[in-house]
Amino acid sequence: MKKKLVAIAIAAALAPAAAMAEVAVYGKMHLSVDNYSYGNATQDGMYLASNSSRLGFKGGEDLGSGLKAVYQFELGIDPNTGWGGARDSFLGVTGGFGTILAGRLGLANQYAYDANYFGDQVGDTAQFVGTGNAGGRVSNVIAYAAPAMGDLSLLFAFVPTTTGAAANKESSFTARAGYAANGIKGGLSYQSVGTNSTTDNIGILAVGGTYDMGTINVGGQFVNISNEGQVAGADRTVFTVGGSFKLSDTGTVKAQFSSASEIGSSKDGATMLAVGYDHSLSKSTTAYVAFASVSNDTAGTFGVGNWGHGDPAGAPAAGQDPSAFSVGLVHAF
């Protein structure tokens, strides 16, 4: 993502130069025209969709003694309809001890894109691996990232128990280890998600990654979800395999297959196949075409669109097999 540093003129006028903080203004505009097929006249049709478009501000300030204040404020935007909801936003401190952050941070987003060649497009495998938990991100998070340890990274996040009718009554936590070196990127994470003191916490174990060989990139992921939806014994496994191949400096073809098991004998599993082509128009702008199809079991309700933002045509009914063809344009700044 291209970032642009800008000075704050007001701060320069009101504060000493040593106290000035830099601000990075960044964002992404992502629109697509999606043709959905559900097999019924009510939902079949063409839709204009915004796919995780965003606008953000981030920066920091040197506090001395090796400490630095850091912050980020990011909002979802929809070029088609207007503003969206809050995305990752936080305030924290970083130093030789690592980084401590507090705010709204990733939950399933911690692992859902470790091996996802169709993130924010139709065919997004997060539709499968993100099922049954409390969403892609969550509020009231306190997180700690350990200092750099060569190619290894460690992150721990905690959502404390809160009160109120609609609040989390059971604490949640995430532990994640990441690795990046020699073309290999991978992650191992475990999450315990609690939202009601009378039911069991959801447990999510995820391991996945990609291997970039230059022209070819391959990846896969395995996710085990226990007590899905906080239903005791409702356990599901999801696996994904995929890859991409560079046809040229500007063109890449890709494909991905995902499978979600059924819970017990409930016939609520599904498979998804996605194929696509990305074409780089510049360092900041990419055009693409993608096709994805989901085959649900008789009680399955998995969608085919950009996870977390819903299929424009609405969720499929049990046993429906949705598919979508998409033409999109992405511009990052």
Protein backbone atom coordinates (compact mmCIF):
# COMPACT_ATOMS: atom_id res chain seq x y z
CA MET A 1 0.00 0.00 0.00
CA LYS A 2 1.43 3.32 -1.02
CA LYS A 3 1.64 5.75 1.90
CA LYS A 4 1.95 9.51 1.78
CA LEU A 5 3.42 11.46 4.68
CA VAL A 6 1.96 14.91 5.26
CA ALA A 7 2.81 17.59 7.83
CA ILE A 8 0.10 19.01 10.08
CA ALA A 9 0.18 22.76 9.56
CA ILE A 10 -1.96 23.49 12.61
CA ALA A 11 0.36 21.51 14.86
CA ALA A 12 3.32 23.39 13.47
CA ALA A 13 1.68 26.67 14.41
CA LEU A 14 0.54 25.65 17.90
CA ALA A 15 3.32 23.36 19.18
CA PRO A 16 7.13 23.28 19.30
CA ALA A 17 8.78 21.53 16.36
CA ALA A 18 10.06 18.74 18.61
CA ALA A 19 6.50 17.84 19.57
CA MET A 20 5.22 17.52 16.00
CA ALA A 21 3.97 14.12 14.94
CA GLU A 22 3.93 12.76 11.41
CA VAL A 23 0.69 11.54 9.87
CA ALA A 24 0.35 9.00 7.07
CA VAL A 25 -2.85 9.31 5.06
CA TYR A 26 -3.71 6.10 3.24
CA GLY A 27 -6.64 4.23 1.81
CA LYS A 28 -8.08 1.95 -0.80
CA MET A 29 -10.99 2.32 -3.21
CA HIS A 30 -12.32 -1.00 -4.44
CA LEU A 31 -15.45 -1.27 -6.56
CA SER A 32 -16.71 -4.25 -8.53
CA VAL A 33 -19.66 -5.13 -10.72
CA ASP A 34 -20.88 -8.55 -9.58
CA ASN A 35 -23.37 -10.78 -11.35
CA TYR A 36 -24.87 -13.21 -8.81
CA SER A 37 -26.76 -16.39 -9.56
CA TYR A 38 -28.80 -18.05 -6.81
CA GLY A 39 -31.33 -19.82 -8.95
CA ASN A 40 -34.21 -17.53 -8.02
CA ALA A 41 -35.53 -14.30 -9.54
CA THR A 42 -35.45 -12.44 -6.22
CA GLN A 43 -31.67 -12.60 -5.75
CA ASP A 44 -30.29 -13.18 -9.24
CA GLY A 45 -28.90 -10.07 -10.85
CA MET A 46 -26.07 -7.54 -11.20
CA TYR A 47 -24.83 -5.45 -8.29
CA LEU A 48 -22.29 -2.66 -7.77
CA ALA A 49 -20.30 -3.48 -4.64
CA SER A 50 -17.67 -1.76 -2.52
CA ASN A 51 -15.19 -4.32 -1.20
CA SER A 52 -13.48 -3.18 2.00
CA SER A 53 -12.82 0.34 0.69
CA ARG A 54 -11.20 2.37 3.44
CA LEU A 55 -9.64 5.65 4.55
CA GLY A 56 -7.07 5.78 7.34
CA PHE A 57 -4.69 7.98 9.27
CA LYS A 58 -1.67 6.63 11.13
CA GLY A 59 1.42 8.04 12.70
CA GLY A 60 3.51 8.41 15.80
CA GLU A 61 5.55 10.72 17.99
CA ASP A 62 8.97 10.27 19.56
CA LEU A 63 8.56 10.39 23.35
CA GLY A 64 12.22 10.07 24.17
CA SER A 65 14.04 7.35 26.14
CA GLY A 66 13.45 4.91 23.26
CA LEU A 67 9.65 5.24 23.41
CA LYS A 68 7.28 6.24 20.65
CA ALA A 69 3.53 6.84 20.69
CA VAL A 70 1.72 5.22 17.75
CA TYR A 71 -1.84 5.45 16.54
CA GLN A 72 -4.15 4.50 13.71
CA PHE A 73 -7.70 5.55 12.88
CA GLU A 74 -9.30 3.69 9.98
CA LEU A 75 -12.83 3.87 8.63
CA GLY A 76 -14.63 1.80 6.06
CA ILE A 77 -15.97 3.83 3.15
CA ASP A 78 -18.34 2.95 0.37
CA PRO A 79 -17.88 4.98 -2.84
CA ASN A 80 -21.34 3.80 -3.86
CA THR A 81 -23.36 4.73 -0.76
CA GLY A 82 -21.14 6.66 1.68
CA TRP A 83 -19.34 5.91 4.94
CA GLY A 84 -19.02 2.45 6.41
CA GLY A 85 -18.12 1.16 9.86
CA ALA A 86 -15.00 1.41 12.00
CA ARG A 87 -12.00 -0.72 11.04
CA ASP A 88 -8.71 -1.33 12.87
CA SER A 89 -8.15 1.72 15.08
CA PHE A 90 -5.86 1.97 18.09
CA LEU A 91 -3.53 3.98 20.31
CA GLY A 92 -0.35 2.58 21.78
CA VAL A 93 3.29 2.78 22.76
CA THR A 94 6.28 1.02 21.22
CA GLY A 95 9.85 0.58 22.39
CA GLY A 96 12.54 -1.98 23.09
CA PHE A 97 10.02 -4.05 25.06
CA GLY A 98 7.72 -4.42 22.05
CA THR A 99 4.41 -2.71 21.26
CA ILE A 100 1.27 -2.32 23.35
CA LEU A 101 -1.94 -1.32 21.57
CA ALA A 102 -5.51 -0.70 22.72
CA GLY A 103 -8.61 -0.24 20.57
CA ARG A 104 -10.39 -2.09 17.77
CA LEU A 105 -8.23 -4.83 16.26
CA GLY A 106 -8.41 -8.03 14.21
CA LEU A 107 -10.06 -11.21 15.46
CA ALA A 108 -10.55 -13.69 12.60
CA ASN A 109 -8.55 -11.21 10.50
CA GLN A 110 -5.48 -12.41 12.41
CA TYR A 111 -5.49 -15.63 10.37
CA ALA A 112 -8.16 -15.40 7.65
CA TYR A 113 -5.72 -14.02 5.06
CA ASP A 114 -2.69 -16.25 5.68
CA ALA A 115 -3.57 -18.18 2.51
CA ASN A 116 -6.34 -16.30 0.71
CA TYR A 117 -5.85 -15.46 -2.96
CA PHE A 118 -9.30 -13.87 -3.26
CA GLY A 119 -9.37 -11.60 -0.23
CA ASP A 120 -12.02 -8.86 -0.63
CA GLN A 121 -13.27 -10.48 -3.86
CA VAL A 122 -15.87 -13.06 -4.73
CA GLY A 123 -14.42 -16.42 -3.68
CA ASP A 124 -13.01 -14.99 -0.44
CA THR A 125 -12.11 -18.07 1.62
CA ALA A 126 -12.68 -16.07 4.81
CA GLN A 127 -16.35 -16.88 4.14
CA PHE A 128 -15.39 -20.37 5.32
CA VAL A 129 -12.53 -19.95 7.81
CA GLY A 130 -14.20 -17.02 9.57
CA THR A 131 -17.43 -18.88 10.26
CA GLY A 132 -18.82 -19.24 13.75
CA ASN A 133 -16.74 -16.62 15.58
CA ALA A 134 -17.33 -13.00 16.59
CA GLY A 135 -16.26 -11.44 13.29
CA GLY A 136 -13.16 -10.19 11.54
CA ARG A 137 -12.33 -7.58 14.16
CA VAL A 138 -13.49 -6.74 17.67
CA SER A 139 -13.55 -3.73 20.00
CA ASN A 140 -12.12 -3.36 23.53
CA VAL A 141 -8.85 -5.12 22.66
CA ILE A 142 -5.55 -4.86 24.52
CA ALA A 143 -2.72 -6.30 22.42
CA TYR A 144 1.01 -6.91 22.85
CA ALA A 145 3.43 -7.53 19.98
CA ALA A 146 6.84 -8.83 21.03
CA PRO A 147 9.97 -7.09 19.71
CA ALA A 148 11.37 -8.34 16.41
CA MET A 149 13.02 -11.74 16.67
CA GLY A 150 14.59 -12.20 13.27
CA ASP A 151 12.06 -13.88 10.98
CA LEU A 152 9.63 -14.68 13.80
CA SER A 153 6.86 -12.48 15.20
CA LEU A 154 4.63 -13.01 18.24
CA LEU A 155 1.33 -11.34 19.10
CA PHE A 156 -0.97 -11.69 22.10
CA ALA A 157 -4.34 -9.95 22.37
CA PHE A 158 -6.96 -9.90 25.11
CA VAL A 159 -10.57 -8.72 25.31
CA PRO A 160 -11.43 -8.26 28.99
CA THR A 161 -14.75 -9.29 30.51
CA THR A 162 -17.24 -6.43 30.35
CA THR A 163 -20.76 -5.83 31.58
CA GLY A 164 -24.03 -4.84 29.94
CA ALA A 165 -26.78 -6.64 28.09
CA ALA A 166 -25.01 -6.61 24.73
CA ALA A 167 -21.42 -6.84 25.97
CA ASN A 168 -18.96 -9.72 26.12
CA LYS A 169 -19.46 -11.49 29.45
CA GLU A 170 -16.57 -13.88 28.92
CA SER A 171 -13.05 -12.73 28.09
CA SER A 172 -11.47 -13.61 24.76
CA PHE A 173 -7.85 -13.90 23.70
CA THR A 174 -5.62 -14.48 20.69
CA ALA A 175 -2.09 -15.88 20.52
CA ARG A 176 -0.30 -15.83 17.18
CA ALA A 177 3.15 -16.67 15.83
CA GLY A 178 4.19 -15.53 12.36
CA TYR A 179 7.15 -16.34 10.14
CA ALA A 180 8.43 -14.59 7.00
CA ALA A 181 11.69 -15.44 5.20
CA ASN A 182 12.99 -16.84 1.91
CA GLY A 183 9.63 -16.49 0.18
CA ILE A 184 7.78 -18.29 2.96
CA LYS A 185 5.06 -16.56 4.95
CA GLY A 186 3.09 -18.43 7.57
CA GLY A 187 1.09 -18.16 10.72
CA LEU A 188 -0.02 -20.30 13.64
CA SER A 189 -2.76 -18.94 15.90
CA TYR A 190 -5.20 -19.93 18.57
CA GLN A 191 -8.25 -17.94 19.64
CA SER A 192 -10.74 -18.36 22.44
CA VAL A 193 -13.88 -16.30 21.85
CA GLY A 194 -16.49 -15.78 24.56
CA THR A 195 -19.68 -13.75 24.26
CA ASN A 196 -22.08 -15.29 26.78
CA SER A 197 -21.32 -16.62 30.27
CA THR A 198 -23.86 -19.46 29.95
CA THR A 199 -22.30 -21.08 26.86
CA ASP A 200 -18.93 -22.51 25.86
CA ASN A 201 -16.21 -20.38 24.34
CA ILE A 202 -15.42 -20.83 20.65
CA GLY A 203 -11.93 -22.24 20.06
CA ILE A 204 -10.15 -21.63 16.77
CA LEU A 205 -6.82 -23.20 15.79
CA ALA A 206 -5.42 -22.04 12.46
CA VAL A 207 -2.22 -22.85 10.62
CA GLY A 208 -1.44 -21.71 7.10
CA GLY A 209 0.91 -19.92 4.78
CA THR A 210 2.25 -19.31 1.29
CA TYR A 211 5.47 -20.00 -0.62
CA ASP A 212 6.48 -17.45 -3.25
CA MET A 213 8.81 -18.88 -5.91
CA GLY A 214 8.72 -15.78 -8.09
CA THR A 215 6.54 -16.83 -10.99
CA ILE A 216 4.51 -19.29 -8.92
CA ASN A 217 2.96 -18.75 -5.50
CA VAL A 218 1.25 -21.62 -3.66
CA GLY A 219 -0.48 -21.73 -0.29
CA GLY A 220 -2.79 -23.60 2.01
CA GLN A 221 -4.49 -23.42 5.37
CA PHE A 222 -6.14 -25.67 7.95
CA VAL A 223 -8.59 -24.29 10.49
CA ASN A 224 -10.29 -26.20 13.30
CA ILE A 225 -13.31 -24.52 14.92
CA SER A 226 -14.70 -25.98 18.14
CA ASN A 227 -18.06 -25.01 19.66
CA GLU A 228 -19.01 -23.02 16.56
CA GLY A 229 -21.58 -20.40 17.42
CA GLN A 230 -20.91 -21.26 21.10
CA VAL A 231 -22.78 -24.53 20.73
CA ALA A 232 -21.06 -27.27 22.74
CA GLY A 233 -19.72 -30.00 20.47
CA ALA A 234 -20.37 -28.04 17.25
CA ASP A 235 -16.95 -28.66 15.71
CA ARG A 236 -15.94 -27.92 12.13
CA THR A 237 -12.75 -28.14 10.07
CA VAL A 238 -11.93 -26.00 7.05
CA PHE A 239 -9.07 -26.40 4.60
CA THR A 240 -7.98 -24.26 1.68
CA VAL A 241 -5.45 -24.77 -1.10
CA GLY A 242 -4.63 -22.28 -3.82
CA GLY A 243 -2.03 -20.63 -5.94
CA SER A 244 -1.18 -18.01 -8.52
CA PHE A 245 0.94 -17.90 -11.68
CA LYS A 246 2.45 -14.78 -13.23
CA LEU A 247 1.80 -14.65 -16.95
CA SER A 248 3.78 -11.42 -17.24
CA ASP A 249 4.97 -8.48 -15.17
CA THR A 250 1.40 -7.18 -15.12
CA GLY A 251 -0.84 -10.26 -15.35
CA THR A 252 -1.50 -13.04 -12.82
CA VAL A 253 -3.92 -15.96 -12.94
CA LYS A 254 -5.04 -17.62 -9.72
CA ALA A 255 -7.26 -20.38 -8.39
CA GLN A 256 -8.42 -21.53 -4.98
CA PHE A 257 -10.43 -24.36 -3.45
CA SER A 258 -11.97 -24.35 0.03
CA SER A 259 -13.92 -27.01 1.90
CA ALA A 260 -15.85 -26.75 5.18
CA SER A 261 -16.89 -29.97 6.89
CA GLU A 262 -20.35 -30.50 8.28
CA ILE A 263 -20.98 -30.36 12.01
CA GLY A 264 -21.76 -33.92 13.07
CA SER A 265 -24.35 -35.20 10.62
CA SER A 266 -26.08 -31.84 10.11
CA LYS A 267 -25.38 -31.65 6.35
CA ASP A 268 -24.29 -28.00 6.69
CA GLY A 269 -20.89 -28.23 4.98
CA ALA A 270 -19.83 -26.71 1.67
CA THR A 271 -17.09 -26.39 -0.93
CA MET A 272 -16.03 -23.33 -2.94
CA LEU A 273 -14.01 -22.98 -6.13
CA ALA A 274 -12.68 -19.63 -7.32
CA VAL A 275 -10.66 -18.63 -10.40
CA GLY A 276 -9.49 -15.19 -11.45
CA TYR A 277 -7.11 -12.89 -13.29
CA ASP A 278 -5.45 -9.78 -11.84
CA HIS A 279 -3.98 -7.13 -14.15
CA SER A 280 -1.74 -4.38 -12.79
CA LEU A 281 -2.43 -1.05 -14.49
CA SER A 282 0.11 0.80 -12.34
CA LYS A 283 1.83 0.49 -8.96
CA SER A 284 -1.39 1.67 -7.33
CA THR A 285 -4.20 0.40 -9.55
CA THR A 286 -5.30 -3.16 -10.38
CA ALA A 287 -8.16 -4.45 -12.51
CA TYR A 288 -9.44 -8.01 -12.18
CA VAL A 289 -12.02 -10.57 -13.18
CA ALA A 290 -13.07 -13.41 -10.89
CA PHE A 291 -15.58 -16.23 -10.80
CA ALA A 292 -16.55 -18.23 -7.74
CA SER A 293 -19.08 -20.95 -7.04
CA VAL A 294 -20.23 -22.50 -3.75
CA SER A 295 -21.77 -25.93 -3.42
CA ASN A 296 -23.70 -26.12 -0.15
CA ASP A 297 -24.92 -29.29 1.50
CA THR A 298 -28.68 -29.47 2.05
CA ALA A 299 -28.42 -27.39 5.25
CA GLY A 300 -25.38 -25.31 4.26
CA THR A 301 -25.68 -21.52 4.01
CA PHE A 302 -22.19 -20.42 2.96
CA GLY A 303 -21.94 -17.35 0.73
CA VAL A 304 -19.69 -16.63 -2.23
CA GLY A 305 -18.90 -12.90 -1.85
CA ASN A 306 -16.46 -10.68 0.01
CA TRP A 307 -16.54 -11.92 3.61
CA GLY A 308 -17.51 -9.50 6.36
CA HIS A 309 -19.44 -7.25 4.01
CA GLY A 310 -22.09 -9.67 2.86
CA ASP A 311 -23.18 -10.83 -0.54
CA PRO A 312 -25.00 -7.92 -2.22
CA ALA A 313 -27.77 -10.34 -3.15
CA GLY A 314 -28.20 -11.44 0.45
CA ALA A 315 -27.35 -14.65 2.25
CA PRO A 316 -28.24 -17.90 0.48
CA ALA A 317 -31.00 -20.08 1.81
CA ALA A 318 -30.11 -23.52 3.14
CA GLY A 319 -28.95 -25.75 0.32
CA GLN A 320 -28.63 -22.98 -2.27
CA ASP A 321 -25.53 -23.00 -4.48
CA PRO A 322 -24.63 -19.36 -5.19
CA SER A 323 -22.13 -18.29 -7.83
CA ALA A 324 -20.83 -14.90 -8.93
CA PHE A 325 -18.86 -13.36 -11.78
CA SER A 326 -17.07 -10.15 -10.88
CA VAL A 327 -15.19 -7.35 -12.68
CA GLY A 328 -13.38 -5.03 -10.30
CA LEU A 329 -11.00 -2.07 -10.00
CA VAL A 330 -8.77 -1.40 -6.98
CA HIS A 331 -6.84 1.80 -6.33
CA ALA A 332 -4.60 2.13 -3.27
CA PHE A 333 -3.08 5.37 -2.02
